[in-house]
Amino acid sequence: MITFLIIGITVLISIAAFSNYSLMDKFIFRPAESGSGRWYRFFTYGVLHADYTHLIFNMFTLYFFGGDIERTFKTTFGEQAGVFFYLLLYVTALP
């Protein structure tokens, strides 16, 4: 399931960033820097969390709601289109 992959990536990056300020600084979104070739921050800040409580709450919520949404999209749109629309929903929800 894509939801588990998103949770895994988010947990790994967030935990790594908790103990590595340069990683946190590299991935955090700063609007003033987005035009200077650091456009990737628009996406990477979505996997960063302020602390463990924030991370656990968000991943717990994603686990319960994300799986249902993913299954619904796959049933409604088909396997590949469902994954595409689920990822599109996830990415557009980041801002």
PDB file of N, CA and C in Angstrom:
ATOM      1  N   MET A   1       0.833  -1.191   0.000  1.00  0.00           N
ATOM      2  CA  MET A   1       0.000   0.000   0.000  1.00  0.00           C
ATOM      3  C   MET A   1       0.876   1.253   0.000  1.00  0.00           C
ATOM      4  N   ILE A   2       0.455   2.215  -0.749  1.00  0.00           N
ATOM      5  CA  ILE A   2       1.171   3.485  -0.837  1.00  0.00           C
ATOM      6  C   ILE A   2       1.173   4.194   0.514  1.00  0.00           C
ATOM      7  N   THR A   3       0.093   4.051   1.263  1.00  0.00           N
ATOM      8  CA  THR A   3       0.009   4.707   2.576  1.00  0.00           C
ATOM      9  C   THR A   3       1.160   4.276   3.473  1.00  0.00           C
ATOM     10  N   PHE A   4       1.470   2.986   3.497  1.00  0.00           N
ATOM     11  CA  PHE A   4       2.568   2.495   4.333  1.00  0.00           C
ATOM     12  C   PHE A   4       3.914   3.031   3.854  1.00  0.00           C
ATOM     13  N   LEU A   5       4.070   3.154   2.552  1.00  0.00           N
ATOM     14  CA  LEU A   5       5.302   3.713   1.993  1.00  0.00           C
ATOM     15  C   LEU A   5       5.457   5.176   2.414  1.00  0.00           C
ATOM     16  N   ILE A   6       4.382   5.949   2.325  1.00  0.00           N
ATOM     17  CA  ILE A   6       4.423   7.354   2.741  1.00  0.00           C
ATOM     18  C   ILE A   6       4.746   7.460   4.225  1.00  0.00           C
ATOM     19  N   ILE A   7       4.118   6.619   5.037  1.00  0.00           N
ATOM     20  CA  ILE A   7       4.388   6.627   6.479  1.00  0.00           C
ATOM     21  C   ILE A   7       5.852   6.291   6.741  1.00  0.00           C
ATOM     22  N   GLY A   8       6.373   5.256   6.088  1.00  0.00           N
ATOM     23  CA  GLY A   8       7.765   4.860   6.285  1.00  0.00           C
ATOM     24  C   GLY A   8       8.750   5.954   5.909  1.00  0.00           C
ATOM     25  N   ILE A   9       8.556   6.552   4.753  1.00  0.00           N
ATOM     26  CA  ILE A   9       9.446   7.632   4.307  1.00  0.00           C
ATOM     27  C   ILE A   9       9.373   8.811   5.261  1.00  0.00           C
ATOM     28  N   THR A  10       8.160   9.179   5.650  1.00  0.00           N
ATOM     29  CA  THR A  10       7.973  10.321   6.547  1.00  0.00           C
ATOM     30  C   THR A  10       8.630  10.085   7.900  1.00  0.00           C
ATOM     31  N   VAL A  11       8.438   8.901   8.462  1.00  0.00           N
ATOM     32  CA  VAL A  11       9.029   8.581   9.768  1.00  0.00           C
ATOM     33  C   VAL A  11      10.554   8.602   9.680  1.00  0.00           C
ATOM     34  N   LEU A  12      11.114   7.974   8.663  1.00  0.00           N
ATOM     35  CA  LEU A  12      12.573   7.929   8.534  1.00  0.00           C
ATOM     36  C   LEU A  12      13.177   9.320   8.370  1.00  0.00           C
ATOM     37  N   ILE A  13      12.605  10.131   7.504  1.00  0.00           N
ATOM     38  CA  ILE A  13      13.152  11.474   7.281  1.00  0.00           C
ATOM     39  C   ILE A  13      12.966  12.355   8.504  1.00  0.00           C
ATOM     40  N   SER A  14      11.791  12.294   9.133  1.00  0.00           N
ATOM     41  CA  SER A  14      11.548  13.131  10.313  1.00  0.00           C
ATOM     42  C   SER A  14      12.484  12.770  11.456  1.00  0.00           C
ATOM     43  N   ILE A  15      12.649  11.488  11.733  1.00  0.00           N
ATOM     44  CA  ILE A  15      13.536  11.072  12.825  1.00  0.00           C
ATOM     45  C   ILE A  15      14.979  11.472  12.516  1.00  0.00           C
ATOM     46  N   ALA A  16      15.390  11.306  11.269  1.00  0.00           N
ATOM     47  CA  ALA A  16      16.746  11.728  10.892  1.00  0.00           C
ATOM     48  C   ALA A  16      16.913  13.232  11.078  1.00  0.00           C
ATOM     49  N   ALA A  17      15.895  14.009  10.739  1.00  0.00           N
ATOM     50  CA  ALA A  17      15.979  15.467  10.848  1.00  0.00           C
ATOM     51  C   ALA A  17      15.942  15.945  12.298  1.00  0.00           C
ATOM     52  N   PHE A  18      15.323  15.167  13.200  1.00  0.00           N
ATOM     53  CA  PHE A  18      15.287  15.554  14.618  1.00  0.00           C
ATOM     54  C   PHE A  18      16.693  15.661  15.192  1.00  0.00           C
ATOM     55  N   SER A  19      17.582  14.790  14.739  1.00  0.00           N
ATOM     56  CA  SER A  19      18.934  14.777  15.291  1.00  0.00           C
ATOM     57  C   SER A  19      19.971  15.404  14.354  1.00  0.00           C
ATOM     58  N   ASN A  20      19.529  15.906  13.222  1.00  0.00           N
ATOM     59  CA  ASN A  20      20.451  16.483  12.249  1.00  0.00           C
ATOM     60  C   ASN A  20      19.875  17.810  11.755  1.00  0.00           C
ATOM     61  N   TYR A  21      20.296  18.890  12.388  1.00  0.00           N
ATOM     62  CA  TYR A  21      19.726  20.197  12.057  1.00  0.00           C
ATOM     63  C   TYR A  21      19.989  20.590  10.607  1.00  0.00           C
ATOM     64  N   SER A  22      21.120  20.196  10.044  1.00  0.00           N
ATOM     65  CA  SER A  22      21.403  20.569   8.654  1.00  0.00           C
ATOM     66  C   SER A  22      20.404  19.912   7.694  1.00  0.00           C
ATOM     67  N   LEU A  23      19.975  18.698   7.997  1.00  0.00           N
ATOM     68  CA  LEU A  23      18.954  18.039   7.182  1.00  0.00           C
ATOM     69  C   LEU A  23      17.617  18.771   7.326  1.00  0.00           C
ATOM     70  N   MET A  24      17.259  19.116   8.555  1.00  0.00           N
ATOM     71  CA  MET A  24      16.026  19.869   8.789  1.00  0.00           C
ATOM     72  C   MET A  24      16.083  21.197   8.039  1.00  0.00           C
ATOM     73  N   ASP A  25      17.207  21.864   8.134  1.00  0.00           N
ATOM     74  CA  ASP A  25      17.379  23.158   7.477  1.00  0.00           C
ATOM     75  C   ASP A  25      17.310  23.029   5.952  1.00  0.00           C
ATOM     76  N   LYS A  26      17.812  21.921   5.422  1.00  0.00           N
ATOM     77  CA  LYS A  26      17.816  21.705   3.975  1.00  0.00           C
ATOM     78  C   LYS A  26      16.414  21.428   3.432  1.00  0.00           C
ATOM     79  N   PHE A  27      15.564  20.772   4.228  1.00  0.00           N
ATOM     80  CA  PHE A  27      14.242  20.356   3.757  1.00  0.00           C
ATOM     81  C   PHE A  27      13.109  21.303   4.129  1.00  0.00           C
ATOM     82  N   ILE A  28      13.317  22.167   5.112  1.00  0.00           N
ATOM     83  CA  ILE A  28      12.235  23.033   5.576  1.00  0.00           C
ATOM     84  C   ILE A  28      11.875  24.062   4.503  1.00  0.00           C
ATOM     85  N   PHE A  29      10.612  24.434   4.444  1.00  0.00           N
ATOM     86  CA  PHE A  29      10.144  25.357   3.405  1.00  0.00           C
ATOM     87  C   PHE A  29      10.307  26.800   3.856  1.00  0.00           C
ATOM     88  N   ARG A  30      11.006  27.546   3.034  1.00  0.00           N
ATOM     89  CA  ARG A  30      11.144  28.989   3.235  1.00  0.00           C
ATOM     90  C   ARG A  30      10.755  29.646   1.910  1.00  0.00           C
ATOM     91  N   PRO A  31       9.616  30.325   1.872  1.00  0.00           N
ATOM     92  CA  PRO A  31       9.142  30.903   0.604  1.00  0.00           C
ATOM     93  C   PRO A  31      10.180  31.765  -0.104  1.00  0.00           C
ATOM     94  N   ALA A  32      10.966  32.504   0.641  1.00  0.00           N
ATOM     95  CA  ALA A  32      11.959  33.392   0.021  1.00  0.00           C
ATOM     96  C   ALA A  32      13.029  32.620  -0.746  1.00  0.00           C
ATOM     97  N   GLU A  33      13.269  31.376  -0.366  1.00  0.00           N
ATOM     98  CA  GLU A  33      14.312  30.578  -1.014  1.00  0.00           C
ATOM     99  C   GLU A  33      13.784  29.678  -2.123  1.00  0.00           C
ATOM    100  N   SER A  34      12.481  29.603  -2.290  1.00  0.00           N
ATOM    101  CA  SER A  34      11.926  28.681  -3.282  1.00  0.00           C
ATOM    102  C   SER A  34      12.258  29.090  -4.711  1.00  0.00           C
ATOM    103  N   GLY A  35      12.522  30.357  -4.940  1.00  0.00           N
ATOM    104  CA  GLY A  35      12.862  30.809  -6.280  1.00  0.00           C
ATOM    105  C   GLY A  35      14.337  30.694  -6.605  1.00  0.00           C
ATOM    106  N   SER A  36      15.144  30.312  -5.640  1.00  0.00           N
ATOM    107  CA  SER A  36      16.588  30.241  -5.865  1.00  0.00           C
ATOM    108  C   SER A  36      17.060  28.801  -6.067  1.00  0.00           C
ATOM    109  N   GLY A  37      16.275  28.023  -6.812  1.00  0.00           N
ATOM    110  CA  GLY A  37      16.664  26.655  -7.122  1.00  0.00           C
ATOM    111  C   GLY A  37      16.360  25.656  -6.027  1.00  0.00           C
ATOM    112  N   ARG A  38      15.662  26.066  -5.025  1.00  0.00           N
ATOM    113  CA  ARG A  38      15.326  25.157  -3.922  1.00  0.00           C
ATOM    114  C   ARG A  38      13.834  24.829  -3.933  1.00  0.00           C
ATOM    115  N   TRP A  39      13.274  24.623  -5.109  1.00  0.00           N
ATOM    116  CA  TRP A  39      11.855  24.345  -5.275  1.00  0.00           C
ATOM    117  C   TRP A  39      11.444  23.022  -4.626  1.00  0.00           C
ATOM    118  N   TYR A  40      12.398  22.103  -4.478  1.00  0.00           N
ATOM    119  CA  TYR A  40      12.102  20.797  -3.882  1.00  0.00           C
ATOM    120  C   TYR A  40      11.568  20.935  -2.458  1.00  0.00           C
ATOM    121  N   ARG A  41      11.879  22.039  -1.802  1.00  0.00           N
ATOM    122  CA  ARG A  41      11.416  22.251  -0.431  1.00  0.00           C
ATOM    123  C   ARG A  41       9.897  22.335  -0.341  1.00  0.00           C
ATOM    124  N   PHE A  42       9.258  22.653  -1.441  1.00  0.00           N
ATOM    125  CA  PHE A  42       7.804  22.695  -1.469  1.00  0.00           C
ATOM    126  C   PHE A  42       7.225  21.315  -1.162  1.00  0.00           C
ATOM    127  N   PHE A  43       7.967  20.265  -1.475  1.00  0.00           N
ATOM    128  CA  PHE A  43       7.526  18.895  -1.220  1.00  0.00           C
ATOM    129  C   PHE A  43       8.169  18.303   0.034  1.00  0.00           C
ATOM    130  N   THR A  44       9.442  18.585   0.259  1.00  0.00           N
ATOM    131  CA  THR A  44      10.147  17.939   1.367  1.00  0.00           C
ATOM    132  C   THR A  44       9.657  18.385   2.736  1.00  0.00           C
ATOM    133  N   TYR A  45       9.147  19.609   2.830  1.00  0.00           N
ATOM    134  CA  TYR A  45       8.683  20.041   4.143  1.00  0.00           C
ATOM    135  C   TYR A  45       7.464  19.235   4.592  1.00  0.00           C
ATOM    136  N   GLY A  46       6.792  18.595   3.646  1.00  0.00           N
ATOM    137  CA  GLY A  46       5.630  17.780   3.977  1.00  0.00           C
ATOM    138  C   GLY A  46       5.959  16.519   4.757  1.00  0.00           C
ATOM    139  N   VAL A  47       7.217  16.115   4.768  1.00  0.00           N
ATOM    140  CA  VAL A  47       7.610  14.924   5.527  1.00  0.00           C
ATOM    141  C   VAL A  47       8.350  15.285   6.813  1.00  0.00           C
ATOM    142  N   LEU A  48       8.474  16.572   7.095  1.00  0.00           N
ATOM    143  CA  LEU A  48       9.118  17.022   8.334  1.00  0.00           C
ATOM    144  C   LEU A  48       8.071  17.290   9.404  1.00  0.00           C
ATOM    145  N   HIS A  49       8.434  17.017  10.634  1.00  0.00           N
ATOM    146  CA  HIS A  49       7.541  17.270  11.759  1.00  0.00           C
ATOM    147  C   HIS A  49       8.323  17.950  12.874  1.00  0.00           C
ATOM    148  N   ALA A  50       7.613  18.710  13.684  1.00  0.00           N
ATOM    149  CA  ALA A  50       8.262  19.515  14.721  1.00  0.00           C
ATOM    150  C   ALA A  50       8.850  18.669  15.844  1.00  0.00           C
ATOM    151  N   ASP A  51       8.170  17.587  16.201  1.00  0.00           N
ATOM    152  CA  ASP A  51       8.628  16.733  17.296  1.00  0.00           C
ATOM    153  C   ASP A  51       7.955  15.365  17.179  1.00  0.00           C
ATOM    154  N   TYR A  52       8.269  14.484  18.120  1.00  0.00           N
ATOM    155  CA  TYR A  52       7.723  13.127  18.067  1.00  0.00           C
ATOM    156  C   TYR A  52       6.210  13.100  18.230  1.00  0.00           C
ATOM    157  N   THR A  53       5.657  13.956  19.072  1.00  0.00           N
ATOM    158  CA  THR A  53       4.208  13.989  19.262  1.00  0.00           C
ATOM    159  C   THR A  53       3.509  14.350  17.956  1.00  0.00           C
ATOM    160  N   HIS A  54       4.017  15.352  17.284  1.00  0.00           N
ATOM    161  CA  HIS A  54       3.471  15.784  15.999  1.00  0.00           C
ATOM    162  C   HIS A  54       3.560  14.647  14.978  1.00  0.00           C
ATOM    163  N   LEU A  55       4.702  14.002  14.914  1.00  0.00           N
ATOM    164  CA  LEU A  55       4.918  12.899  13.975  1.00  0.00           C
ATOM    165  C   LEU A  55       3.973  11.732  14.264  1.00  0.00           C
ATOM    166  N   ILE A  56       3.892  11.318  15.520  1.00  0.00           N
ATOM    167  CA  ILE A  56       3.053  10.168  15.884  1.00  0.00           C
ATOM    168  C   ILE A  56       1.586  10.448  15.584  1.00  0.00           C
ATOM    169  N   PHE A  57       1.113  11.630  15.962  1.00  0.00           N
ATOM    170  CA  PHE A  57      -0.290  11.967  15.705  1.00  0.00           C
ATOM    171  C   PHE A  57      -0.593  11.953  14.207  1.00  0.00           C
ATOM    172  N   ASN A  58       0.264  12.578  13.411  1.00  0.00           N
ATOM    173  CA  ASN A  58       0.021  12.626  11.966  1.00  0.00           C
ATOM    174  C   ASN A  58       0.095  11.247  11.316  1.00  0.00           C
ATOM    175  N   MET A  59       1.055  10.420  11.722  1.00  0.00           N
ATOM    176  CA  MET A  59       1.181   9.095  11.127  1.00  0.00           C
ATOM    177  C   MET A  59       0.043   8.178  11.574  1.00  0.00           C
ATOM    178  N   PHE A  60      -0.403   8.327  12.808  1.00  0.00           N
ATOM    179  CA  PHE A  60      -1.552   7.574  13.312  1.00  0.00           C
ATOM    180  C   PHE A  60      -2.791   7.925  12.484  1.00  0.00           C
ATOM    181  N   THR A  61      -2.989   9.204  12.244  1.00  0.00           N
ATOM    182  CA  THR A  61      -4.130   9.666  11.453  1.00  0.00           C
ATOM    183  C   THR A  61      -4.023   9.186  10.011  1.00  0.00           C
ATOM    184  N   LEU A  62      -2.846   9.304   9.418  1.00  0.00           N
ATOM    185  CA  LEU A  62      -2.647   8.846   8.043  1.00  0.00           C
ATOM    186  C   LEU A  62      -2.878   7.342   7.934  1.00  0.00           C
ATOM    187  N   TYR A  63      -2.450   6.585   8.927  1.00  0.00           N
ATOM    188  CA  TYR A  63      -2.638   5.134   8.926  1.00  0.00           C
ATOM    189  C   TYR A  63      -4.121   4.780   8.826  1.00  0.00           C
ATOM    190  N   PHE A  64      -4.949   5.442   9.622  1.00  0.00           N
ATOM    191  CA  PHE A  64      -6.367   5.094   9.647  1.00  0.00           C
ATOM    192  C   PHE A  64      -7.154   5.678   8.479  1.00  0.00           C
ATOM    193  N   PHE A  65      -6.905   6.910   8.124  1.00  0.00           N
ATOM    194  CA  PHE A  65      -7.670   7.520   7.045  1.00  0.00           C
ATOM    195  C   PHE A  65      -7.052   7.266   5.672  1.00  0.00           C
ATOM    196  N   GLY A  66      -5.745   7.264   5.590  1.00  0.00           N
ATOM    197  CA  GLY A  66      -5.067   7.094   4.309  1.00  0.00           C
ATOM    198  C   GLY A  66      -5.358   5.757   3.658  1.00  0.00           C
ATOM    199  N   GLY A  67      -5.373   4.700   4.455  1.00  0.00           N
ATOM    200  CA  GLY A  67      -5.660   3.375   3.914  1.00  0.00           C
ATOM    201  C   GLY A  67      -7.051   3.287   3.314  1.00  0.00           C
ATOM    202  N   ASP A  68      -8.029   3.862   4.003  1.00  0.00           N
ATOM    203  CA  ASP A  68      -9.402   3.861   3.486  1.00  0.00           C
ATOM    204  C   ASP A  68      -9.519   4.676   2.206  1.00  0.00           C
ATOM    205  N   ILE A  69      -8.888   5.829   2.193  1.00  0.00           N
ATOM    206  CA  ILE A  69      -8.940   6.671   0.992  1.00  0.00           C
ATOM    207  C   ILE A  69      -8.250   5.971  -0.174  1.00  0.00           C
ATOM    208  N   GLU A  70      -7.108   5.364   0.103  1.00  0.00           N
ATOM    209  CA  GLU A  70      -6.384   4.649  -0.955  1.00  0.00           C
ATOM    210  C   GLU A  70      -7.238   3.519  -1.529  1.00  0.00           C
ATOM    211  N   ARG A  71      -7.853   2.716  -0.664  1.00  0.00           N
ATOM    212  CA  ARG A  71      -8.707   1.613  -1.130  1.00  0.00           C
ATOM    213  C   ARG A  71      -9.898   2.138  -1.937  1.00  0.00           C
ATOM    214  N   THR A  72     -10.505   3.211  -1.466  1.00  0.00           N
ATOM    215  CA  THR A  72     -11.649   3.795  -2.175  1.00  0.00           C
ATOM    216  C   THR A  72     -11.242   4.285  -3.557  1.00  0.00           C
ATOM    217  N   PHE A  73     -10.097   4.948  -3.650  1.00  0.00           N
ATOM    218  CA  PHE A  73      -9.623   5.442  -4.945  1.00  0.00           C
ATOM    219  C   PHE A  73      -9.320   4.285  -5.891  1.00  0.00           C
ATOM    220  N   LYS A  74      -8.709   3.221  -5.382  1.00  0.00           N
ATOM    221  CA  LYS A  74      -8.385   2.074  -6.234  1.00  0.00           C
ATOM    222  C   LYS A  74      -9.653   1.386  -6.727  1.00  0.00           C
ATOM    223  N   THR A  75     -10.660   1.291  -5.862  1.00  0.00           N
ATOM    224  CA  THR A  75     -11.930   0.680  -6.247  1.00  0.00           C
ATOM    225  C   THR A  75     -12.660   1.538  -7.272  1.00  0.00           C
ATOM    226  N   THR A  76     -12.636   2.832  -7.063  1.00  0.00           N
ATOM    227  CA  THR A  76     -13.367   3.759  -7.929  1.00  0.00           C
ATOM    228  C   THR A  76     -12.689   3.965  -9.276  1.00  0.00           C
ATOM    229  N   PHE A  77     -11.372   4.143  -9.272  1.00  0.00           N
ATOM    230  CA  PHE A  77     -10.653   4.521 -10.490  1.00  0.00           C
ATOM    231  C   PHE A  77      -9.812   3.401 -11.097  1.00  0.00           C
ATOM    232  N   GLY A  78      -9.698   2.275 -10.432  1.00  0.00           N
ATOM    233  CA  GLY A  78      -8.813   1.210 -10.882  1.00  0.00           C
ATOM    234  C   GLY A  78      -7.485   1.303 -10.149  1.00  0.00           C
ATOM    235  N   GLU A  79      -6.705   0.239 -10.220  1.00  0.00           N
ATOM    236  CA  GLU A  79      -5.460   0.146  -9.450  1.00  0.00           C
ATOM    237  C   GLU A  79      -4.488   1.292  -9.744  1.00  0.00           C
ATOM    238  N   GLN A  80      -4.076   1.430 -10.986  1.00  0.00           N
ATOM    239  CA  GLN A  80      -3.062   2.440 -11.325  1.00  0.00           C
ATOM    240  C   GLN A  80      -3.590   3.863 -11.213  1.00  0.00           C
ATOM    241  N   ALA A  81      -4.773   4.112 -11.740  1.00  0.00           N
ATOM    242  CA  ALA A  81      -5.344   5.462 -11.656  1.00  0.00           C
ATOM    243  C   ALA A  81      -5.648   5.814 -10.203  1.00  0.00           C
ATOM    244  N   GLY A  82      -6.075   4.826  -9.419  1.00  0.00           N
ATOM    245  CA  GLY A  82      -6.349   5.064  -8.002  1.00  0.00           C
ATOM    246  C   GLY A  82      -5.104   5.490  -7.248  1.00  0.00           C
ATOM    247  N   VAL A  83      -3.985   4.825  -7.516  1.00  0.00           N
ATOM    248  CA  VAL A  83      -2.711   5.209  -6.892  1.00  0.00           C
ATOM    249  C   VAL A  83      -2.315   6.611  -7.346  1.00  0.00           C
ATOM    250  N   PHE A  84      -2.457   6.888  -8.632  1.00  0.00           N
ATOM    251  CA  PHE A  84      -2.122   8.213  -9.157  1.00  0.00           C
ATOM    252  C   PHE A  84      -2.945   9.302  -8.466  1.00  0.00           C
ATOM    253  N   PHE A  85      -4.254   9.118  -8.387  1.00  0.00           N
ATOM    254  CA  PHE A  85      -5.112  10.136  -7.776  1.00  0.00           C
ATOM    255  C   PHE A  85      -4.871  10.252  -6.271  1.00  0.00           C
ATOM    256  N   TYR A  86      -4.549   9.146  -5.633  1.00  0.00           N
ATOM    257  CA  TYR A  86      -4.231   9.184  -4.201  1.00  0.00           C
ATOM    258  C   TYR A  86      -2.957  10.001  -3.968  1.00  0.00           C
ATOM    259  N   LEU A  87      -1.922   9.750  -4.752  1.00  0.00           N
ATOM    260  CA  LEU A  87      -0.681  10.521  -4.628  1.00  0.00           C
ATOM    261  C   LEU A  87      -0.897  11.983  -5.000  1.00  0.00           C
ATOM    262  N   LEU A  88      -1.715  12.223  -6.002  1.00  0.00           N
ATOM    263  CA  LEU A  88      -2.044  13.596  -6.382  1.00  0.00           C
ATOM    264  C   LEU A  88      -2.753  14.311  -5.232  1.00  0.00           C
ATOM    265  N   LEU A  89      -3.685  13.637  -4.592  1.00  0.00           N
ATOM    266  CA  LEU A  89      -4.371  14.206  -3.430  1.00  0.00           C
ATOM    267  C   LEU A  89      -3.385  14.493  -2.310  1.00  0.00           C
ATOM    268  N   TYR A  90      -2.483  13.558  -2.056  1.00  0.00           N
ATOM    269  CA  TYR A  90      -1.498  13.728  -0.986  1.00  0.00           C
ATOM    270  C   TYR A  90      -0.595  14.931  -1.253  1.00  0.00           C
ATOM    271  N   VAL A  91      -0.076  15.023  -2.459  1.00  0.00           N
ATOM    272  CA  VAL A  91       0.855  16.107  -2.800  1.00  0.00           C
ATOM    273  C   VAL A  91       0.149  17.462  -2.792  1.00  0.00           C
ATOM    274  N   THR A  92      -1.057  17.521  -3.326  1.00  0.00           N
ATOM    275  CA  THR A  92      -1.762  18.806  -3.347  1.00  0.00           C
ATOM    276  C   THR A  92      -2.246  19.219  -1.970  1.00  0.00           C
ATOM    277  N   ALA A  93      -2.319  18.286  -1.039  1.00  0.00           N
ATOM    278  CA  ALA A  93      -2.726  18.624   0.329  1.00  0.00           C
ATOM    279  C   ALA A  93      -1.553  19.150   1.158  1.00  0.00           C
ATOM    280  N   LEU A  94      -0.330  19.048   0.665  1.00  0.00           N
ATOM    281  CA  LEU A  94       0.840  19.490   1.427  1.00  0.00           C
ATOM    282  C   LEU A  94       0.807  20.966   1.804  1.00  0.00           C
ATOM    283  N   PRO A  95       0.489  21.865   0.896  1.00  0.00           N
ATOM    284  CA  PRO A  95       0.510  23.283   1.297  1.00  0.00           C
ATOM    285  C   PRO A  95      -0.540  23.535   2.326  1.00  0.00           C
TER     286      PRO A  95
END
